[in-house]
PDB file of all heavy atoms in Angstrom:
ATOM      1  N   ASN A   1      13.035   3.573  -7.277  1.00  0.00           N
ATOM      2  CA  ASN A   1      11.901   3.499  -8.047  1.00  0.00           C
ATOM      3  C   ASN A   1      12.131   3.475  -9.587  1.00  0.00           C
ATOM      4  O   ASN A   1      11.656   4.370 -10.275  1.00  0.00           O
ATOM      5  CB  ASN A   1      10.844   4.535  -7.643  1.00  0.00           C
ATOM      6  CG  ASN A   1      11.489   5.910  -7.628  1.00  0.00           C
ATOM      7  OD1 ASN A   1      12.645   6.098  -7.945  1.00  0.00           O
ATOM      8  ND2 ASN A   1      10.791   6.875  -7.057  1.00  0.00           N
ATOM      9  N   LEU A   2      12.826   2.482 -10.043  1.00  0.00           N
ATOM     10  CA  LEU A   2      13.145   2.344 -11.430  1.00  0.00           C
ATOM     11  C   LEU A   2      11.849   1.975 -12.254  1.00  0.00           C
ATOM     12  O   LEU A   2      11.033   1.287 -11.678  1.00  0.00           O
ATOM     13  CB  LEU A   2      14.245   1.328 -11.702  1.00  0.00           C
ATOM     14  CG  LEU A   2      15.577   1.695 -11.083  1.00  0.00           C
ATOM     15  CD1 LEU A   2      16.530   0.452 -11.147  1.00  0.00           C
ATOM     16  CD2 LEU A   2      16.225   2.884 -11.849  1.00  0.00           C
ATOM     17  N   GLY A   3      11.867   2.323 -13.459  1.00  0.00           N
ATOM     18  CA  GLY A   3      10.776   1.915 -14.321  1.00  0.00           C
ATOM     19  C   GLY A   3       9.480   2.598 -14.226  1.00  0.00           C
ATOM     20  O   GLY A   3       8.511   2.284 -14.838  1.00  0.00           O
ATOM     21  N   GLU A   4       9.470   3.665 -13.419  1.00  0.00           N
ATOM     22  CA  GLU A   4       8.262   4.462 -13.311  1.00  0.00           C
ATOM     23  C   GLU A   4       8.030   5.416 -14.470  1.00  0.00           C
ATOM     24  O   GLU A   4       6.958   5.820 -14.713  1.00  0.00           O
ATOM     25  CB  GLU A   4       8.210   5.226 -11.974  1.00  0.00           C
ATOM     26  CG  GLU A   4       8.070   4.239 -10.796  1.00  0.00           C
ATOM     27  CD  GLU A   4       7.703   4.900  -9.555  1.00  0.00           C
ATOM     28  OE1 GLU A   4       7.307   6.090  -9.621  1.00  0.00           O
ATOM     29  OE2 GLU A   4       7.722   4.295  -8.513  1.00  0.00           O
ATOM     30  N   ALA A   5       9.160   5.788 -15.130  1.00  0.00           N
ATOM     31  CA  ALA A   5       9.028   6.717 -16.212  1.00  0.00           C
ATOM     32  C   ALA A   5      10.074   6.391 -17.243  1.00  0.00           C
ATOM     33  O   ALA A   5      11.191   5.910 -16.906  1.00  0.00           O
ATOM     34  CB  ALA A   5       9.176   8.176 -15.823  1.00  0.00           C
ATOM     35  N   VAL A   6       9.775   6.508 -18.509  1.00  0.00           N
ATOM     36  CA  VAL A   6      10.723   6.305 -19.602  1.00  0.00           C
ATOM     37  C   VAL A   6      10.821   7.613 -20.424  1.00  0.00           C
ATOM     38  O   VAL A   6       9.750   8.169 -20.793  1.00  0.00           O
ATOM     39  CB  VAL A   6      10.299   5.114 -20.465  1.00  0.00           C
ATOM     40  CG1 VAL A   6      11.289   4.939 -21.621  1.00  0.00           C
ATOM     41  CG2 VAL A   6      10.241   3.855 -19.624  1.00  0.00           C
ATOM     42  N   HIS A   7      12.039   8.110 -20.598  1.00  0.00           N
ATOM     43  CA  HIS A   7      12.256   9.351 -21.362  1.00  0.00           C
ATOM     44  C   HIS A   7      13.223   8.999 -22.436  1.00  0.00           C
ATOM     45  O   HIS A   7      14.351   8.601 -22.242  1.00  0.00           O
ATOM     46  CB  HIS A   7      12.728  10.412 -20.478  1.00  0.00           C
ATOM     47  CG  HIS A   7      13.013  11.716 -21.217  1.00  0.00           C
ATOM     48  ND1 HIS A   7      12.018  12.487 -21.724  1.00  0.00           N
ATOM     49  CD2 HIS A   7      14.209  12.364 -21.465  1.00  0.00           C
ATOM     50  CE1 HIS A   7      12.551  13.516 -22.282  1.00  0.00           C
ATOM     51  NE2 HIS A   7      13.824  13.490 -22.179  1.00  0.00           N
ATOM     52  N   LEU A   8      12.812   9.143 -23.675  1.00  0.00           N
ATOM     53  CA  LEU A   8      13.625   8.968 -24.949  1.00  0.00           C
ATOM     54  C   LEU A   8      14.227   7.456 -24.893  1.00  0.00           C
ATOM     55  O   LEU A   8      15.363   7.180 -25.162  1.00  0.00           O
ATOM     56  CB  LEU A   8      14.794   9.960 -25.006  1.00  0.00           C
ATOM     57  CG  LEU A   8      14.300  11.400 -25.172  1.00  0.00           C
ATOM     58  CD1 LEU A   8      15.517  12.282 -25.172  1.00  0.00           C
ATOM     59  CD2 LEU A   8      13.499  11.502 -26.511  1.00  0.00           C
ATOM     60  N   GLY A   9      13.403   6.509 -24.416  1.00  0.00           N
ATOM     61  CA  GLY A   9      13.790   5.137 -24.403  1.00  0.00           C
ATOM     62  C   GLY A   9      14.657   4.729 -23.174  1.00  0.00           C
ATOM     63  O   GLY A   9      15.098   3.581 -23.020  1.00  0.00           O
ATOM     64  N   HIS A  10      14.896   5.616 -22.199  1.00  0.00           N
ATOM     65  CA  HIS A  10      15.671   5.354 -21.084  1.00  0.00           C
ATOM     66  C   HIS A  10      14.820   5.397 -19.807  1.00  0.00           C
ATOM     67  O   HIS A  10      13.998   6.281 -19.642  1.00  0.00           O
ATOM     68  CB  HIS A  10      16.864   6.231 -20.979  1.00  0.00           C
ATOM     69  CG  HIS A  10      17.769   6.307 -22.041  1.00  0.00           C
ATOM     70  ND1 HIS A  10      18.740   5.305 -22.210  1.00  0.00           N
ATOM     71  CD2 HIS A  10      17.888   7.111 -23.084  1.00  0.00           C
ATOM     72  CE1 HIS A  10      19.377   5.509 -23.324  1.00  0.00           C
ATOM     73  NE2 HIS A  10      18.977   6.594 -23.914  1.00  0.00           N
ATOM     74  N   THR A  11      15.015   4.428 -18.880  1.00  0.00           N
ATOM     75  CA  THR A  11      14.378   4.426 -17.650  1.00  0.00           C
ATOM     76  C   THR A  11      14.872   5.602 -16.777  1.00  0.00           C
ATOM     77  O   THR A  11      16.072   5.882 -16.723  1.00  0.00           O
ATOM     78  CB  THR A  11      14.525   3.105 -16.881  1.00  0.00           C
ATOM     79  OG1 THR A  11      14.120   2.085 -17.676  1.00  0.00           O
ATOM     80  CG2 THR A  11      13.831   3.116 -15.567  1.00  0.00           C
ATOM     81  N   VAL A  12      13.960   6.305 -16.156  1.00  0.00           N
ATOM     82  CA  VAL A  12      14.306   7.499 -15.398  1.00  0.00           C
ATOM     83  C   VAL A  12      14.034   7.136 -13.865  1.00  0.00           C
ATOM     84  O   VAL A  12      12.869   6.783 -13.578  1.00  0.00           O
ATOM     85  CB  VAL A  12      13.474   8.697 -15.770  1.00  0.00           C
ATOM     86  CG1 VAL A  12      13.807   9.899 -14.941  1.00  0.00           C
ATOM     87  CG2 VAL A  12      13.742   8.980 -17.279  1.00  0.00           C
ATOM     88  N   THR A  13      15.027   7.319 -13.036  1.00  0.00           N
ATOM     89  CA  THR A  13      14.660   7.279 -11.593  1.00  0.00           C
ATOM     90  C   THR A  13      14.296   8.635 -11.064  1.00  0.00           C
ATOM     91  O   THR A  13      14.673   9.619 -11.585  1.00  0.00           O
ATOM     92  CB  THR A  13      15.954   6.816 -10.818  1.00  0.00           C
ATOM     93  OG1 THR A  13      17.032   7.690 -11.027  1.00  0.00           O
ATOM     94  CG2 THR A  13      16.412   5.362 -11.219  1.00  0.00           C
ATOM     95  N   ARG A  14      13.450   8.589 -10.121  1.00  0.00           N
ATOM     96  CA  ARG A  14      12.951   9.835  -9.473  1.00  0.00           C
ATOM     97  C   ARG A  14      13.544   9.857  -8.064  1.00  0.00           C
ATOM     98  O   ARG A  14      13.478   8.912  -7.281  1.00  0.00           O
ATOM     99  CB  ARG A  14      11.466   9.817  -9.385  1.00  0.00           C
ATOM    100  CG  ARG A  14      10.763   9.766 -10.753  1.00  0.00           C
ATOM    101  CD  ARG A  14      11.016  11.020 -11.489  1.00  0.00           C
ATOM    102  NE  ARG A  14      10.356  10.925 -12.788  1.00  0.00           N
ATOM    103  CZ  ARG A  14      10.493  11.816 -13.736  1.00  0.00           C
ATOM    104  NH1 ARG A  14      11.250  12.811 -13.561  1.00  0.00           N
ATOM    105  NH2 ARG A  14       9.904  11.610 -14.889  1.00  0.00           N
ATOM    106  N   ASN A  15      14.017  11.039  -7.744  1.00  0.00           N
ATOM    107  CA  ASN A  15      14.537  11.287  -6.421  1.00  0.00           C
ATOM    108  C   ASN A  15      13.295  11.397  -5.454  1.00  0.00           C
ATOM    109  O   ASN A  15      12.289  11.950  -5.784  1.00  0.00           O
ATOM    110  CB  ASN A  15      15.392  12.487  -6.248  1.00  0.00           C
ATOM    111  CG  ASN A  15      16.696  12.253  -6.959  1.00  0.00           C
ATOM    112  OD1 ASN A  15      17.204  11.134  -7.040  1.00  0.00           O
ATOM    113  ND2 ASN A  15      17.284  13.351  -7.526  1.00  0.00           N
ATOM    114  N   ASP A  16      13.460  10.824  -4.226  1.00  0.00           N
ATOM    115  CA  ASP A  16      12.471  10.963  -3.223  1.00  0.00           C
ATOM    116  C   ASP A  16      12.681  12.113  -2.290  1.00  0.00           C
ATOM    117  O   ASP A  16      13.853  12.664  -2.284  1.00  0.00           O
ATOM    118  CB  ASP A  16      12.469   9.665  -2.404  1.00  0.00           C
ATOM    119  CG  ASP A  16      12.109   8.434  -3.239  1.00  0.00           C
ATOM    120  OD1 ASP A  16      11.353   8.548  -4.230  1.00  0.00           O
ATOM    121  OD2 ASP A  16      12.690   7.393  -2.949  1.00  0.00           O
ATOM    122  N   THR A  17      11.689  12.533  -1.562  1.00  0.00           N
ATOM    123  CA  THR A  17      11.753  13.631  -0.602  1.00  0.00           C
ATOM    124  C   THR A  17      11.285  13.088   0.714  1.00  0.00           C
ATOM    125  O   THR A  17      10.328  12.358   0.765  1.00  0.00           O
ATOM    126  CB  THR A  17      10.800  14.839  -1.127  1.00  0.00           C
ATOM    127  OG1 THR A  17      11.246  15.251  -2.393  1.00  0.00           O
ATOM    128  CG2 THR A  17      10.918  15.984  -0.135  1.00  0.00           C
ATOM    129  N   ILE A  18      11.997  13.449   1.703  1.00  0.00           N
ATOM    130  CA  ILE A  18      11.669  13.119   3.128  1.00  0.00           C
ATOM    131  C   ILE A  18      11.298  14.429   3.833  1.00  0.00           C
ATOM    132  O   ILE A  18      11.953  15.417   3.675  1.00  0.00           O
ATOM    133  CB  ILE A  18      12.851  12.419   3.821  1.00  0.00           C
ATOM    134  CG1 ILE A  18      13.354  11.190   2.986  1.00  0.00           C
ATOM    135  CG2 ILE A  18      12.496  12.075   5.239  1.00  0.00           C
ATOM    136  CD1 ILE A  18      12.389  10.051   2.983  1.00  0.00           C
ATOM    137  N   ALA A  19      10.245  14.406   4.565  1.00  0.00           N
ATOM    138  CA  ALA A  19       9.766  15.619   5.294  1.00  0.00           C
ATOM    139  C   ALA A  19       9.171  15.249   6.639  1.00  0.00           C
ATOM    140  O   ALA A  19       8.715  14.117   6.870  1.00  0.00           O
ATOM    141  CB  ALA A  19       8.684  16.384   4.466  1.00  0.00           C
ATOM    142  N   VAL A  20       9.213  16.211   7.544  1.00  0.00           N
ATOM    143  CA  VAL A  20       8.635  16.012   8.865  1.00  0.00           C
ATOM    144  C   VAL A  20       7.505  17.078   8.964  1.00  0.00           C
ATOM    145  O   VAL A  20       7.796  18.253   8.771  1.00  0.00           O
ATOM    146  CB  VAL A  20       9.608  16.198  10.004  1.00  0.00           C
ATOM    147  CG1 VAL A  20       8.877  16.074  11.404  1.00  0.00           C
ATOM    148  CG2 VAL A  20      10.721  15.202   9.953  1.00  0.00           C
ATOM    149  N   ASN A  21       6.258  16.608   9.249  1.00  0.00           N
ATOM    150  CA  ASN A  21       5.186  17.611   9.391  1.00  0.00           C
ATOM    151  C   ASN A  21       5.031  18.123  10.841  1.00  0.00           C
ATOM    152  O   ASN A  21       5.803  17.693  11.696  1.00  0.00           O
ATOM    153  CB  ASN A  21       3.876  17.027   8.830  1.00  0.00           C
ATOM    154  CG  ASN A  21       3.290  15.848   9.650  1.00  0.00           C
ATOM    155  OD1 ASN A  21       3.747  15.634  10.828  1.00  0.00           O
ATOM    156  ND2 ASN A  21       2.406  15.162   9.077  1.00  0.00           N
ATOM    157  N   LEU A  22       4.151  19.040  11.078  1.00  0.00           N
ATOM    158  CA  LEU A  22       3.957  19.644  12.408  1.00  0.00           C
ATOM    159  C   LEU A  22       3.560  18.646  13.480  1.00  0.00           C
ATOM    160  O   LEU A  22       3.901  18.865  14.671  1.00  0.00           O
ATOM    161  CB  LEU A  22       2.981  20.787  12.334  1.00  0.00           C
ATOM    162  CG  LEU A  22       3.332  22.001  11.501  1.00  0.00           C
ATOM    163  CD1 LEU A  22       2.186  23.014  11.416  1.00  0.00           C
ATOM    164  CD2 LEU A  22       4.564  22.697  12.125  1.00  0.00           C
ATOM    165  N   ASP A  23       2.975  17.523  13.086  1.00  0.00           N
ATOM    166  CA  ASP A  23       2.617  16.455  14.044  1.00  0.00           C
ATOM    167  C   ASP A  23       3.759  15.589  14.373  1.00  0.00           C
ATOM    168  O   ASP A  23       3.635  14.665  15.237  1.00  0.00           O
ATOM    169  CB  ASP A  23       1.462  15.662  13.468  1.00  0.00           C
ATOM    170  CG  ASP A  23       0.138  16.442  13.363  1.00  0.00           C
ATOM    171  OD1 ASP A  23      -0.010  17.353  14.189  1.00  0.00           O
ATOM    172  OD2 ASP A  23      -0.655  16.110  12.456  1.00  0.00           O
ATOM    173  N   GLY A  24       4.936  15.752  13.666  1.00  0.00           N
ATOM    174  CA  GLY A  24       6.049  14.933  13.970  1.00  0.00           C
ATOM    175  C   GLY A  24       6.114  13.605  13.118  1.00  0.00           C
ATOM    176  O   GLY A  24       6.904  12.734  13.332  1.00  0.00           O
ATOM    177  N   ASP A  25       5.276  13.524  12.145  1.00  0.00           N
ATOM    178  CA  ASP A  25       5.265  12.409  11.209  1.00  0.00           C
ATOM    179  C   ASP A  25       6.423  12.491  10.203  1.00  0.00           C
ATOM    180  O   ASP A  25       6.538  13.586   9.581  1.00  0.00           O
ATOM    181  CB  ASP A  25       3.960  12.262  10.455  1.00  0.00           C
ATOM    182  CG  ASP A  25       2.743  12.060  11.386  1.00  0.00           C
ATOM    183  OD1 ASP A  25       2.947  11.472  12.485  1.00  0.00           O
ATOM    184  OD2 ASP A  25       1.626  12.540  11.059  1.00  0.00           O
ATOM    185  N   LEU A  26       7.191  11.482  10.047  1.00  0.00           N
ATOM    186  CA  LEU A  26       8.303  11.443   9.098  1.00  0.00           C
ATOM    187  C   LEU A  26       7.674  10.851   7.792  1.00  0.00           C
ATOM    188  O   LEU A  26       7.176   9.696   7.791  1.00  0.00           O
ATOM    189  CB  LEU A  26       9.432  10.527   9.514  1.00  0.00           C
ATOM    190  CG  LEU A  26      10.703  10.463   8.654  1.00  0.00           C
ATOM    191  CD1 LEU A  26      11.316  11.869   8.577  1.00  0.00           C
ATOM    192  CD2 LEU A  26      11.675   9.491   9.280  1.00  0.00           C
ATOM    193  N   LEU A  27       7.617  11.590   6.731  1.00  0.00           N
ATOM    194  CA  LEU A  27       6.956  11.213   5.474  1.00  0.00           C
ATOM    195  C   LEU A  27       7.887  11.047   4.341  1.00  0.00           C
ATOM    196  O   LEU A  27       8.863  11.798   4.219  1.00  0.00           O
ATOM    197  CB  LEU A  27       5.931  12.311   5.165  1.00  0.00           C
ATOM    198  CG  LEU A  27       4.875  12.615   6.262  1.00  0.00           C
ATOM    199  CD1 LEU A  27       4.050  13.829   5.818  1.00  0.00           C
ATOM    200  CD2 LEU A  27       4.049  11.513   6.577  1.00  0.00           C
ATOM    201  N   LYS A  28       7.600  10.062   3.461  1.00  0.00           N
ATOM    202  CA  LYS A  28       8.409   9.883   2.286  1.00  0.00           C
ATOM    203  C   LYS A  28       7.516  10.106   1.073  1.00  0.00           C
ATOM    204  O   LYS A  28       6.468   9.491   0.915  1.00  0.00           O
ATOM    205  CB  LYS A  28       8.954   8.439   2.202  1.00  0.00           C
ATOM    206  CG  LYS A  28       9.675   8.089   0.952  1.00  0.00           C
ATOM    207  CD  LYS A  28      10.235   6.667   0.970  1.00  0.00           C
ATOM    208  CE  LYS A  28       9.169   5.615   1.166  1.00  0.00           C
ATOM    209  NZ  LYS A  28       8.422   5.228   0.046  1.00  0.00           N
ATOM    210  N   TYR A  29       7.945  11.028   0.244  1.00  0.00           N
ATOM    211  CA  TYR A  29       7.236  11.282  -1.033  1.00  0.00           C
ATOM    212  C   TYR A  29       8.040  10.682  -2.177  1.00  0.00           C
ATOM    213  O   TYR A  29       9.246  10.965  -2.311  1.00  0.00           O
ATOM    214  CB  TYR A  29       7.122  12.802  -1.279  1.00  0.00           C
ATOM    215  CG  TYR A  29       6.296  13.561  -0.251  1.00  0.00           C
ATOM    216  CD1 TYR A  29       6.780  13.870   0.996  1.00  0.00           C
ATOM    217  CD2 TYR A  29       4.986  13.807  -0.505  1.00  0.00           C
ATOM    218  CE1 TYR A  29       6.027  14.518   1.918  1.00  0.00           C
ATOM    219  CE2 TYR A  29       4.134  14.446   0.348  1.00  0.00           C
ATOM    220  CZ  TYR A  29       4.691  14.796   1.632  1.00  0.00           C
ATOM    221  OH  TYR A  29       3.859  15.456   2.520  1.00  0.00           O
ATOM    222  N   SER A  30       7.458   9.785  -2.932  1.00  0.00           N
ATOM    223  CA  SER A  30       8.314   9.135  -3.899  1.00  0.00           C
ATOM    224  C   SER A  30       7.451   8.825  -5.210  1.00  0.00           C
ATOM    225  O   SER A  30       6.199   8.854  -5.205  1.00  0.00           O
ATOM    226  CB  SER A  30       8.827   7.765  -3.459  1.00  0.00           C
ATOM    227  OG  SER A  30       7.762   6.892  -3.084  1.00  0.00           O
ATOM    228  N   GLY A  31       8.116   8.665  -6.338  1.00  0.00           N
ATOM    229  CA  GLY A  31       7.451   8.238  -7.581  1.00  0.00           C
ATOM    230  C   GLY A  31       7.281   9.371  -8.499  1.00  0.00           C
ATOM    231  O   GLY A  31       7.451  10.551  -8.213  1.00  0.00           O
ATOM    232  N   PHE A  32       6.946   8.994  -9.737  1.00  0.00           N
ATOM    233  CA  PHE A  32       6.726   9.912 -10.824  1.00  0.00           C
ATOM    234  C   PHE A  32       5.566  10.759 -10.486  1.00  0.00           C
ATOM    235  O   PHE A  32       5.514  11.992 -10.673  1.00  0.00           O
ATOM    236  CB  PHE A  32       6.593   9.186 -12.137  1.00  0.00           C
ATOM    237  CG  PHE A  32       6.367  10.082 -13.322  1.00  0.00           C
ATOM    238  CD1 PHE A  32       7.490  10.907 -13.783  1.00  0.00           C
ATOM    239  CD2 PHE A  32       5.215  10.144 -13.988  1.00  0.00           C
ATOM    240  CE1 PHE A  32       7.327  11.691 -14.904  1.00  0.00           C
ATOM    241  CE2 PHE A  32       5.058  10.968 -15.082  1.00  0.00           C
ATOM    242  CZ  PHE A  32       6.071  11.783 -15.576  1.00  0.00           C
ATOM    243  N   VAL A  33       4.483  10.140 -10.072  1.00  0.00           N
ATOM    244  CA  VAL A  33       3.347  10.828  -9.559  1.00  0.00           C
ATOM    245  C   VAL A  33       3.454  10.544  -8.022  1.00  0.00           C
ATOM    246  O   VAL A  33       3.170   9.483  -7.562  1.00  0.00           O
ATOM    247  CB  VAL A  33       1.981  10.251 -10.101  1.00  0.00           C
ATOM    248  CG1 VAL A  33       0.817  10.911  -9.398  1.00  0.00           C
ATOM    249  CG2 VAL A  33       1.942  10.411 -11.661  1.00  0.00           C
ATOM    250  N   PRO A  34       3.890  11.544  -7.285  1.00  0.00           N
ATOM    251  CA  PRO A  34       4.243  11.344  -5.867  1.00  0.00           C
ATOM    252  C   PRO A  34       3.179  10.669  -5.010  1.00  0.00           C
ATOM    253  O   PRO A  34       2.007  11.055  -5.045  1.00  0.00           O
ATOM    254  CB  PRO A  34       4.503  12.748  -5.320  1.00  0.00           C
ATOM    255  CG  PRO A  34       4.891  13.510  -6.511  1.00  0.00           C
ATOM    256  CD  PRO A  34       4.041  12.939  -7.701  1.00  0.00           C
ATOM    257  N   THR A  35       3.597   9.730  -4.333  1.00  0.00           N
ATOM    258  CA  THR A  35       2.819   9.079  -3.299  1.00  0.00           C
ATOM    259  C   THR A  35       3.426   9.366  -1.957  1.00  0.00           C
ATOM    260  O   THR A  35       4.638   9.514  -1.834  1.00  0.00           O
ATOM    261  CB  THR A  35       2.687   7.504  -3.488  1.00  0.00           C
ATOM    262  OG1 THR A  35       4.097   6.972  -3.490  1.00  0.00           O
ATOM    263  CG2 THR A  35       2.026   7.194  -4.807  1.00  0.00           C
ATOM    264  N   VAL A  36       2.645   9.361  -0.902  1.00  0.00           N
ATOM    265  CA  VAL A  36       3.085   9.651   0.485  1.00  0.00           C
ATOM    266  C   VAL A  36       2.981   8.359   1.335  1.00  0.00           C
ATOM    267  O   VAL A  36       1.939   7.704   1.352  1.00  0.00           O
ATOM    268  CB  VAL A  36       2.321  10.806   1.099  1.00  0.00           C
ATOM    269  CG1 VAL A  36       2.827  11.118   2.450  1.00  0.00           C
ATOM    270  CG2 VAL A  36       2.287  12.017   0.149  1.00  0.00           C
ATOM    271  N   ALA A  37       4.096   8.095   2.023  1.00  0.00           N
ATOM    272  CA  ALA A  37       4.084   6.996   3.014  1.00  0.00           C
ATOM    273  C   ALA A  37       4.653   7.486   4.357  1.00  0.00           C
ATOM    274  O   ALA A  37       5.630   8.258   4.304  1.00  0.00           O
ATOM    275  CB  ALA A  37       4.924   5.828   2.483  1.00  0.00           C
ATOM    276  N   THR A  38       4.003   7.153   5.431  1.00  0.00           N
ATOM    277  CA  THR A  38       4.549   7.530   6.702  1.00  0.00           C
ATOM    278  C   THR A  38       5.640   6.521   7.111  1.00  0.00           C
ATOM    279  O   THR A  38       5.412   5.327   7.193  1.00  0.00           O
ATOM    280  CB  THR A  38       3.417   7.548   7.748  1.00  0.00           C
ATOM    281  OG1 THR A  38       2.425   8.422   7.332  1.00  0.00           O
ATOM    282  CG2 THR A  38       3.951   7.940   9.174  1.00  0.00           C
ATOM    283  N   ILE A  39       6.827   7.002   7.436  1.00  0.00           N
ATOM    284  CA  ILE A  39       7.942   6.252   7.876  1.00  0.00           C
ATOM    285  C   ILE A  39       7.899   6.010   9.336  1.00  0.00           C
ATOM    286  O   ILE A  39       8.172   4.907   9.866  1.00  0.00           O
ATOM    287  CB  ILE A  39       9.280   6.887   7.445  1.00  0.00           C
ATOM    288  CG1 ILE A  39       9.409   6.997   5.930  1.00  0.00           C
ATOM    289  CG2 ILE A  39      10.447   6.064   8.031  1.00  0.00           C
ATOM    290  CD1 ILE A  39      10.593   7.735   5.449  1.00  0.00           C
TER     291      ILE A  39
END
C-alpha cells in the first residue's frame, strides 16, 4: 500500500495485520486508516 501517506516528503508503507476472529473469518487490516477485508 504505497502512497497512502507521505512523511517529510517520503512515501510511507504501512504494515498490514492478519487476524482470525471467533467465527473463523481470516481478516486483513491494511492502510493508513485501516480498512478490513475478509480473506
